[in-house]
PDB file of N, CA and C in Angstrom:
ATOM      1  N   MET A   1     110.853 168.862 189.741  1.00  0.00           N
ATOM      2  CA  MET A   1     110.210 167.678 189.969  1.00  0.00           C
ATOM      3  C   MET A   1     111.407 166.630 190.339  1.00  0.00           C
ATOM      4  N   LYS A   2     111.249 166.129 191.585  1.00  0.00           N
ATOM      5  CA  LYS A   2     112.377 165.322 192.171  1.00  0.00           C
ATOM      6  C   LYS A   2     112.185 163.774 191.529  1.00  0.00           C
ATOM      7  N   THR A   3     113.159 163.327 191.044  1.00  0.00           N
ATOM      8  CA  THR A   3     113.361 161.717 190.777  1.00  0.00           C
ATOM      9  C   THR A   3     114.321 161.203 191.699  1.00  0.00           C
ATOM     10  N   GLY A   4     113.946 160.186 192.359  1.00  0.00           N
ATOM     11  CA  GLY A   4     114.800 159.504 193.185  1.00  0.00           C
ATOM     12  C   GLY A   4     114.310 157.926 193.234  1.00  0.00           C
ATOM     13  N   LYS A   5     115.462 157.308 193.654  1.00  0.00           N
ATOM     14  CA  LYS A   5     115.085 155.796 193.781  1.00  0.00           C
ATOM     15  C   LYS A   5     114.203 155.376 194.939  1.00  0.00           C
ATOM     16  N   LYS A   6     113.339 154.599 194.771  1.00  0.00           N
ATOM     17  CA  LYS A   6     112.371 154.251 195.786  1.00  0.00           C
ATOM     18  C   LYS A   6     113.112 153.010 196.482  1.00  0.00           C
ATOM     19  N   THR A   7     113.222 152.967 197.847  1.00  0.00           N
ATOM     20  CA  THR A   7     113.965 152.016 198.510  1.00  0.00           C
ATOM     21  C   THR A   7     112.794 151.048 198.903  1.00  0.00           C
ATOM     22  N   ILE A   8     113.101 149.879 198.974  1.00  0.00           N
ATOM     23  CA  ILE A   8     112.215 148.725 199.646  1.00  0.00           C
ATOM     24  C   ILE A   8     112.482 148.630 201.009  1.00  0.00           C
ATOM     25  N   PRO A   9     111.806 148.866 201.979  1.00  0.00           N
ATOM     26  CA  PRO A   9     112.146 148.447 203.589  1.00  0.00           C
ATOM     27  C   PRO A   9     112.606 147.246 203.791  1.00  0.00           C
ATOM     28  N   GLN A  10     113.473 147.302 204.669  1.00  0.00           N
ATOM     29  CA  GLN A  10     114.343 146.054 204.981  1.00  0.00           C
ATOM     30  C   GLN A  10     114.271 145.891 206.447  1.00  0.00           C
ATOM     31  N   PRO A  11     114.236 144.588 206.820  1.00  0.00           N
ATOM     32  CA  PRO A  11     114.320 144.430 208.165  1.00  0.00           C
ATOM     33  C   PRO A  11     115.548 144.886 208.793  1.00  0.00           C
ATOM     34  N   LYS A  12     115.443 145.220 210.072  1.00  0.00           N
ATOM     35  CA  LYS A  12     116.617 145.876 210.806  1.00  0.00           C
ATOM     36  C   LYS A  12     117.582 144.716 210.955  1.00  0.00           C
ATOM     37  N   THR A  13     118.918 144.954 211.178  1.00  0.00           N
ATOM     38  CA  THR A  13     119.928 143.974 211.342  1.00  0.00           C
ATOM     39  C   THR A  13     120.227 144.098 212.924  1.00  0.00           C
ATOM     40  N   ASP A  14     120.081 142.936 213.677  1.00  0.00           N
ATOM     41  CA  ASP A  14     120.285 142.865 215.097  1.00  0.00           C
ATOM     42  C   ASP A  14     121.421 141.964 215.298  1.00  0.00           C
ATOM     43  N   PRO A  15     121.948 141.852 216.449  1.00  0.00           N
ATOM     44  CA  PRO A  15     122.957 140.944 216.803  1.00  0.00           C
ATOM     45  C   PRO A  15     122.207 139.471 216.727  1.00  0.00           C
ATOM     46  N   ARG A  16     123.086 138.467 216.786  1.00  0.00           N
ATOM     47  CA  ARG A  16     122.540 137.149 216.559  1.00  0.00           C
ATOM     48  C   ARG A  16     121.607 136.756 217.665  1.00  0.00           C
ATOM     49  N   ASP A  17     122.022 137.085 218.967  1.00  0.00           N
ATOM     50  CA  ASP A  17     121.158 136.779 220.110  1.00  0.00           C
ATOM     51  C   ASP A  17     119.673 137.236 219.891  1.00  0.00           C
ATOM     52  N   GLU A  18     119.533 138.534 219.373  1.00  0.00           N
ATOM     53  CA  GLU A  18     118.244 138.967 219.227  1.00  0.00           C
ATOM     54  C   GLU A  18     117.412 138.265 218.181  1.00  0.00           C
ATOM     55  N   LEU A  19     118.145 137.735 217.138  1.00  0.00           N
ATOM     56  CA  LEU A  19     117.688 137.014 215.991  1.00  0.00           C
ATOM     57  C   LEU A  19     117.117 135.736 216.605  1.00  0.00           C
ATOM     58  N   ILE A  20     117.826 135.096 217.390  1.00  0.00           N
ATOM     59  CA  ILE A  20     117.409 133.701 218.059  1.00  0.00           C
ATOM     60  C   ILE A  20     116.140 133.996 218.600  1.00  0.00           C
ATOM     61  N   VAL A  21     116.220 134.926 219.789  1.00  0.00           N
ATOM     62  CA  VAL A  21     115.041 135.226 220.643  1.00  0.00           C
ATOM     63  C   VAL A  21     113.749 135.484 219.613  1.00  0.00           C
ATOM     64  N   GLU A  22     113.803 136.381 218.826  1.00  0.00           N
ATOM     65  CA  GLU A  22     112.913 136.622 217.813  1.00  0.00           C
ATOM     66  C   GLU A  22     112.276 135.436 217.000  1.00  0.00           C
ATOM     67  N   GLY A  23     113.237 134.696 216.664  1.00  0.00           N
ATOM     68  CA  GLY A  23     113.001 133.528 215.876  1.00  0.00           C
ATOM     69  C   GLY A  23     112.064 132.458 216.692  1.00  0.00           C
ATOM     70  N   ARG A  24     112.519 132.276 217.928  1.00  0.00           N
ATOM     71  CA  ARG A  24     111.752 131.480 218.882  1.00  0.00           C
ATOM     72  C   ARG A  24     110.387 131.922 219.176  1.00  0.00           C
ATOM     73  N   ASN A  25     110.243 133.299 219.286  1.00  0.00           N
ATOM     74  CA  ASN A  25     109.067 133.750 219.352  1.00  0.00           C
ATOM     75  C   ASN A  25     108.024 133.724 218.250  1.00  0.00           C
ATOM     76  N   LEU A  26     108.565 133.625 217.232  1.00  0.00           N
ATOM     77  CA  LEU A  26     107.748 133.539 215.810  1.00  0.00           C
ATOM     78  C   LEU A  26     107.521 132.068 215.691  1.00  0.00           C
ATOM     79  N   LEU A  27     108.258 131.129 216.297  1.00  0.00           N
ATOM     80  CA  LEU A  27     108.045 129.672 216.042  1.00  0.00           C
ATOM     81  C   LEU A  27     106.827 129.315 216.988  1.00  0.00           C
ATOM     82  N   ASP A  28     106.998 130.186 218.197  1.00  0.00           N
ATOM     83  CA  ASP A  28     105.602 129.841 219.171  1.00  0.00           C
ATOM     84  C   ASP A  28     104.478 130.200 218.474  1.00  0.00           C
ATOM     85  N   HIS A  29     104.405 131.370 217.793  1.00  0.00           N
ATOM     86  CA  HIS A  29     103.209 131.805 217.048  1.00  0.00           C
ATOM     87  C   HIS A  29     102.918 130.825 215.900  1.00  0.00           C
ATOM     88  N   GLU A  30     103.878 130.349 215.205  1.00  0.00           N
ATOM     89  CA  GLU A  30     103.600 129.510 214.158  1.00  0.00           C
ATOM     90  C   GLU A  30     102.928 128.000 214.659  1.00  0.00           C
ATOM     91  N   LYS A  31     103.374 127.597 215.792  1.00  0.00           N
ATOM     92  CA  LYS A  31     102.881 126.357 216.332  1.00  0.00           C
ATOM     93  C   LYS A  31     101.428 126.543 216.930  1.00  0.00           C
ATOM     94  N   GLU A  32     100.908 127.689 217.232  1.00  0.00           N
ATOM     95  CA  GLU A  32      99.516 127.901 217.802  1.00  0.00           C
ATOM     96  C   GLU A  32      98.606 127.233 217.047  1.00  0.00           C
ATOM     97  N   PRO A  33      98.360 127.346 215.775  1.00  0.00           N
ATOM     98  CA  PRO A  33      97.423 126.828 214.824  1.00  0.00           C
ATOM     99  C   PRO A  33      97.467 125.212 214.901  1.00  0.00           C
ATOM    100  N   THR A  34      98.646 124.707 214.986  1.00  0.00           N
ATOM    101  CA  THR A  34      98.956 123.178 214.725  1.00  0.00           C
ATOM    102  C   THR A  34      98.236 122.760 216.309  1.00  0.00           C
ATOM    103  N   GLY A  35      98.694 123.521 217.276  1.00  0.00           N
ATOM    104  CA  GLY A  35      98.120 122.794 218.613  1.00  0.00           C
ATOM    105  C   GLY A  35      96.732 123.049 218.708  1.00  0.00           C
ATOM    106  N   HIS A  36      96.103 124.044 218.131  1.00  0.00           N
ATOM    107  CA  HIS A  36      94.650 124.127 218.114  1.00  0.00           C
ATOM    108  C   HIS A  36      93.984 122.867 217.389  1.00  0.00           C
ATOM    109  N   GLY A  37      94.529 122.607 216.120  1.00  0.00           N
ATOM    110  CA  GLY A  37      94.159 121.375 215.355  1.00  0.00           C
ATOM    111  C   GLY A  37      94.412 120.228 216.131  1.00  0.00           C
ATOM    112  N   THR A  38      95.417 119.957 216.835  1.00  0.00           N
ATOM    113  CA  THR A  38      95.676 118.669 217.667  1.00  0.00           C
ATOM    114  C   THR A  38      94.600 118.543 218.688  1.00  0.00           C
ATOM    115  N   ARG A  39      94.266 119.860 219.372  1.00  0.00           N
ATOM    116  CA  ARG A  39      93.046 119.725 220.468  1.00  0.00           C
ATOM    117  C   ARG A  39      91.908 119.248 219.653  1.00  0.00           C
ATOM    118  N   VAL A  40      91.486 119.876 218.698  1.00  0.00           N
ATOM    119  CA  VAL A  40      90.233 119.636 217.966  1.00  0.00           C
ATOM    120  C   VAL A  40      90.002 118.111 217.622  1.00  0.00           C
ATOM    121  N   ASN A  41      91.279 117.532 216.965  1.00  0.00           N
ATOM    122  CA  ASN A  41      91.046 116.298 216.583  1.00  0.00           C
ATOM    123  C   ASN A  41      90.884 115.430 217.717  1.00  0.00           C
ATOM    124  N   ALA A  42      91.588 115.715 218.897  1.00  0.00           N
ATOM    125  CA  ALA A  42      91.574 114.879 220.050  1.00  0.00           C
ATOM    126  C   ALA A  42      89.994 114.712 220.566  1.00  0.00           C
ATOM    127  N   ARG A  43      89.421 116.019 220.743  1.00  0.00           N
ATOM    128  CA  ARG A  43      88.130 116.055 221.125  1.00  0.00           C
ATOM    129  C   ARG A  43      87.092 115.201 220.146  1.00  0.00           C
ATOM    130  N   ARG A  44      87.413 115.219 218.606  1.00  0.00           N
ATOM    131  CA  ARG A  44      86.692 114.323 217.783  1.00  0.00           C
ATOM    132  C   ARG A  44      86.681 113.013 218.074  1.00  0.00           C
ATOM    133  N   ARG A  45      88.062 112.547 218.337  1.00  0.00           N
ATOM    134  CA  ARG A  45      88.113 111.117 218.533  1.00  0.00           C
ATOM    135  C   ARG A  45      87.353 110.678 219.922  1.00  0.00           C
ATOM    136  N   TRP A  46      87.050 111.489 220.658  1.00  0.00           N
ATOM    137  CA  TRP A  46      86.205 111.069 221.890  1.00  0.00           C
ATOM    138  C   TRP A  46      84.577 111.476 221.757  1.00  0.00           C
ATOM    139  N   LEU A  47      84.273 111.890 220.557  1.00  0.00           N
ATOM    140  CA  LEU A  47      82.901 111.824 220.311  1.00  0.00           C
ATOM    141  C   LEU A  47      82.152 110.543 220.493  1.00  0.00           C
ATOM    142  N   PRO A  48      80.781 110.465 220.919  1.00  0.00           N
ATOM    143  CA  PRO A  48      80.104 109.048 221.128  1.00  0.00           C
ATOM    144  C   PRO A  48      80.114 108.472 219.655  1.00  0.00           C
ATOM    145  N   LYS A  49      80.248 107.102 219.845  1.00  0.00           N
ATOM    146  CA  LYS A  49      80.160 106.320 218.862  1.00  0.00           C
ATOM    147  C   LYS A  49      78.614 105.837 218.636  1.00  0.00           C
ATOM    148  N   VAL A  50      78.427 105.473 217.357  1.00  0.00           N
ATOM    149  CA  VAL A  50      76.979 105.091 216.960  1.00  0.00           C
ATOM    150  C   VAL A  50      77.059 103.605 216.534  1.00  0.00           C
ATOM    151  N   LYS A  51      75.905 103.075 217.406  1.00  0.00           N
ATOM    152  CA  LYS A  51      75.846 101.507 216.883  1.00  0.00           C
ATOM    153  C   LYS A  51      75.083 101.482 215.492  1.00  0.00           C
ATOM    154  N   ILE A  52      75.296 100.717 214.613  1.00  0.00           N
ATOM    155  CA  ILE A  52      74.537 100.361 213.431  1.00  0.00           C
ATOM    156  C   ILE A  52      73.436  99.261 213.530  1.00  0.00           C
ATOM    157  N   TYR A  53      72.248  99.559 213.510  1.00  0.00           N
ATOM    158  CA  TYR A  53      71.339  98.710 213.545  1.00  0.00           C
ATOM    159  C   TYR A  53      70.494  98.221 212.452  1.00  0.00           C
ATOM    160  N   LYS A  54      70.472  99.168 211.369  1.00  0.00           N
ATOM    161  CA  LYS A  54      69.892  99.036 210.078  1.00  0.00           C
ATOM    162  C   LYS A  54      70.454  97.919 209.230  1.00  0.00           C
ATOM    163  N   ASP A  55      69.884  97.094 208.549  1.00  0.00           N
ATOM    164  CA  ASP A  55      70.481  96.098 207.811  1.00  0.00           C
ATOM    165  C   ASP A  55      70.859  96.568 206.469  1.00  0.00           C
ATOM    166  N   LYS A  56      72.043  97.456 206.406  1.00  0.00           N
ATOM    167  CA  LYS A  56      72.338  97.902 205.093  1.00  0.00           C
ATOM    168  C   LYS A  56      73.582  97.091 204.559  1.00  0.00           C
ATOM    169  N   VAL A  57      73.824  97.318 203.217  1.00  0.00           N
ATOM    170  CA  VAL A  57      75.016  96.313 202.646  1.00  0.00           C
ATOM    171  C   VAL A  57      75.853  97.568 201.970  1.00  0.00           C
ATOM    172  N   LEU A  58      77.051  97.301 202.370  1.00  0.00           N
ATOM    173  CA  LEU A  58      78.161  98.057 201.526  1.00  0.00           C
ATOM    174  C   LEU A  58      78.747  97.227 200.480  1.00  0.00           C
ATOM    175  N   ASP A  59      78.812  97.932 199.242  1.00  0.00           N
ATOM    176  CA  ASP A  59      79.477  97.256 198.242  1.00  0.00           C
ATOM    177  C   ASP A  59      80.863  97.487 198.065  1.00  0.00           C
ATOM    178  N   GLY A  60      81.819  96.566 198.616  1.00  0.00           N
ATOM    179  CA  GLY A  60      83.100  96.838 198.565  1.00  0.00           C
ATOM    180  C   GLY A  60      83.790  96.398 197.320  1.00  0.00           C
ATOM    181  N   SER A  61      85.298  96.544 197.152  1.00  0.00           N
ATOM    182  CA  SER A  61      85.729  96.115 195.989  1.00  0.00           C
ATOM    183  C   SER A  61      85.974  94.477 195.985  1.00  0.00           C
ATOM    184  N   GLU A  62      86.036  93.861 197.066  1.00  0.00           N
ATOM    185  CA  GLU A  62      85.975  92.373 197.141  1.00  0.00           C
ATOM    186  C   GLU A  62      84.703  91.785 197.076  1.00  0.00           C
ATOM    187  N   ARG A  63      83.613  92.309 198.011  1.00  0.00           N
ATOM    188  CA  ARG A  63      82.393  91.669 197.970  1.00  0.00           C
ATOM    189  C   ARG A  63      81.518  92.611 198.834  1.00  0.00           C
ATOM    190  N   LYS A  64      80.212  92.293 199.018  1.00  0.00           N
ATOM    191  CA  LYS A  64      79.169  93.018 199.728  1.00  0.00           C
ATOM    192  C   LYS A  64      79.161  92.502 201.260  1.00  0.00           C
ATOM    193  N   ARG A  65      79.193  93.665 202.113  1.00  0.00           N
ATOM    194  CA  ARG A  65      79.044  93.370 203.622  1.00  0.00           C
ATOM    195  C   ARG A  65      78.097  94.127 204.177  1.00  0.00           C
ATOM    196  N   SER A  66      77.840  93.472 205.287  1.00  0.00           N
ATOM    197  CA  SER A  66      76.805  94.238 206.216  1.00  0.00           C
ATOM    198  C   SER A  66      77.785  95.185 207.215  1.00  0.00           C
ATOM    199  N   PRO A  67      77.469  96.382 207.551  1.00  0.00           N
ATOM    200  CA  PRO A  67      78.403  97.199 208.320  1.00  0.00           C
ATOM    201  C   PRO A  67      77.957  96.820 209.808  1.00  0.00           C
ATOM    202  N   GLY A  68      76.991  96.033 210.073  1.00  0.00           N
ATOM    203  CA  GLY A  68      76.759  95.697 211.439  1.00  0.00           C
ATOM    204  C   GLY A  68      77.508  94.310 211.836  1.00  0.00           C
ATOM    205  N   LYS A  69      78.215  93.745 210.943  1.00  0.00           N
ATOM    206  CA  LYS A  69      78.993  92.497 211.304  1.00  0.00           C
ATOM    207  C   LYS A  69      80.518  92.881 211.301  1.00  0.00           C
ATOM    208  N   PRO A  70      81.115  92.328 212.112  1.00  0.00           N
ATOM    209  CA  PRO A  70      82.672  92.499 212.053  1.00  0.00           C
ATOM    210  C   PRO A  70      83.380  92.280 210.750  1.00  0.00           C
ATOM    211  N   PHE A  71      84.332  93.074 210.513  1.00  0.00           N
ATOM    212  CA  PHE A  71      85.056  92.976 209.171  1.00  0.00           C
ATOM    213  C   PHE A  71      86.441  92.362 209.636  1.00  0.00           C
ATOM    214  N   ASP A  72      86.452  91.064 209.067  1.00  0.00           N
ATOM    215  CA  ASP A  72      87.625  90.214 209.224  1.00  0.00           C
ATOM    216  C   ASP A  72      88.177  90.426 210.585  1.00  0.00           C
ATOM    217  N   GLY A  73      87.182  89.966 211.753  1.00  0.00           N
ATOM    218  CA  GLY A  73      87.758  90.145 213.072  1.00  0.00           C
ATOM    219  C   GLY A  73      87.801  91.270 213.776  1.00  0.00           C
ATOM    220  N   ARG A  74      87.490  92.591 213.067  1.00  0.00           N
ATOM    221  CA  ARG A  74      87.651  94.080 213.444  1.00  0.00           C
ATOM    222  C   ARG A  74      86.289  94.444 214.012  1.00  0.00           C
ATOM    223  N   SER A  75      86.116  95.171 215.026  1.00  0.00           N
ATOM    224  CA  SER A  75      85.021  95.612 215.577  1.00  0.00           C
ATOM    225  C   SER A  75      84.580  96.917 215.015  1.00  0.00           C
ATOM    226  N   GLN A  76      85.394  97.582 214.365  1.00  0.00           N
ATOM    227  CA  GLN A  76      85.119  99.133 214.026  1.00  0.00           C
ATOM    228  C   GLN A  76      85.119  99.124 212.451  1.00  0.00           C
ATOM    229  N   LEU A  77      84.341 100.170 212.041  1.00  0.00           N
ATOM    230  CA  LEU A  77      84.521 100.449 210.573  1.00  0.00           C
ATOM    231  C   LEU A  77      84.743 101.935 210.318  1.00  0.00           C
ATOM    232  N   ILE A  78      85.790 102.189 209.714  1.00  0.00           N
ATOM    233  CA  ILE A  78      86.083 103.550 209.334  1.00  0.00           C
ATOM    234  C   ILE A  78      85.742 103.816 207.958  1.00  0.00           C
ATOM    235  N   VAL A  79      84.959 104.798 207.723  1.00  0.00           N
ATOM    236  CA  VAL A  79      84.371 105.266 206.206  1.00  0.00           C
ATOM    237  C   VAL A  79      85.095 106.540 205.797  1.00  0.00           C
ATOM    238  N   TYR A  80      85.596 106.518 204.635  1.00  0.00           N
ATOM    239  CA  TYR A  80      86.384 107.651 204.060  1.00  0.00           C
ATOM    240  C   TYR A  80      85.182 108.153 203.117  1.00  0.00           C
ATOM    241  N   HIS A  81      84.894 109.347 203.056  1.00  0.00           N
ATOM    242  CA  HIS A  81      83.984 109.876 202.145  1.00  0.00           C
ATOM    243  C   HIS A  81      84.759 110.497 201.068  1.00  0.00           C
ATOM    244  N   PHE A  82      84.870 110.299 199.797  1.00  0.00           N
ATOM    245  CA  PHE A  82      85.712 110.896 199.062  1.00  0.00           C
ATOM    246  C   PHE A  82      84.519 111.160 197.605  1.00  0.00           C
ATOM    247  N   MET A  83      84.670 112.517 197.286  1.00  0.00           N
ATOM    248  CA  MET A  83      83.712 113.176 196.346  1.00  0.00           C
ATOM    249  C   MET A  83      84.646 113.342 195.109  1.00  0.00           C
ATOM    250  N   PHE A  84      84.013 113.324 193.963  1.00  0.00           N
ATOM    251  CA  PHE A  84      84.695 113.910 192.865  1.00  0.00           C
ATOM    252  C   PHE A  84      83.842 114.127 191.555  1.00  0.00           C
ATOM    253  N   ASP A  85      84.147 114.936 190.655  1.00  0.00           N
ATOM    254  CA  ASP A  85      83.204 115.348 189.527  1.00  0.00           C
ATOM    255  C   ASP A  85      82.965 114.100 188.827  1.00  0.00           C
ATOM    256  N   ARG A  86      81.683 114.144 188.100  1.00  0.00           N
ATOM    257  CA  ARG A  86      81.024 112.823 187.524  1.00  0.00           C
ATOM    258  C   ARG A  86      81.872 112.860 186.105  1.00  0.00           C
ATOM    259  N   GLU A  87      82.521 113.852 185.588  1.00  0.00           N
ATOM    260  CA  GLU A  87      83.226 113.802 184.333  1.00  0.00           C
ATOM    261  C   GLU A  87      84.612 113.601 184.633  1.00  0.00           C
ATOM    262  N   TRP A  88      85.041 113.240 185.731  1.00  0.00           N
ATOM    263  CA  TRP A  88      86.644 112.665 185.998  1.00  0.00           C
ATOM    264  C   TRP A  88      86.673 111.342 185.644  1.00  0.00           C
ATOM    265  N   GLU A  89      87.517 110.743 185.353  1.00  0.00           N
ATOM    266  CA  GLU A  89      87.753 109.322 185.220  1.00  0.00           C
ATOM    267  C   GLU A  89      88.383 108.709 186.595  1.00  0.00           C
ATOM    268  N   MET A  90      89.072 109.490 187.351  1.00  0.00           N
ATOM    269  CA  MET A  90      89.388 109.043 188.803  1.00  0.00           C
ATOM    270  C   MET A  90      89.559 110.356 189.622  1.00  0.00           C
ATOM    271  N   GLY A  91      89.726 110.095 190.840  1.00  0.00           N
ATOM    272  CA  GLY A  91      89.740 111.182 191.772  1.00  0.00           C
ATOM    273  C   GLY A  91      91.379 111.639 191.872  1.00  0.00           C
ATOM    274  N   TYR A  92      91.521 112.733 192.178  1.00  0.00           N
ATOM    275  CA  TYR A  92      92.806 113.390 192.181  1.00  0.00           C
ATOM    276  C   TYR A  92      93.265 113.797 193.442  1.00  0.00           C
TER     277      TYR A  92
END
């Protein structure tokens, strides 16, 4: 029965120029998902807008407002939908 040390595979050692080239190639691969997300977000911003015709009331921290009317001179309303568990005292 042979007993010997198990060696952990190590990356090869190359000259610095090869390291730089391989590092740049890896960086290009790392940037691919970011570029995809950027393109998707740009397309999302160009989705058609929807006019609000219903007479709904939004209950804000300061007062109740109708979303069909401008907010302090602004023509657009951005809604953030945040959900959390009923047992939580605040969102995290």
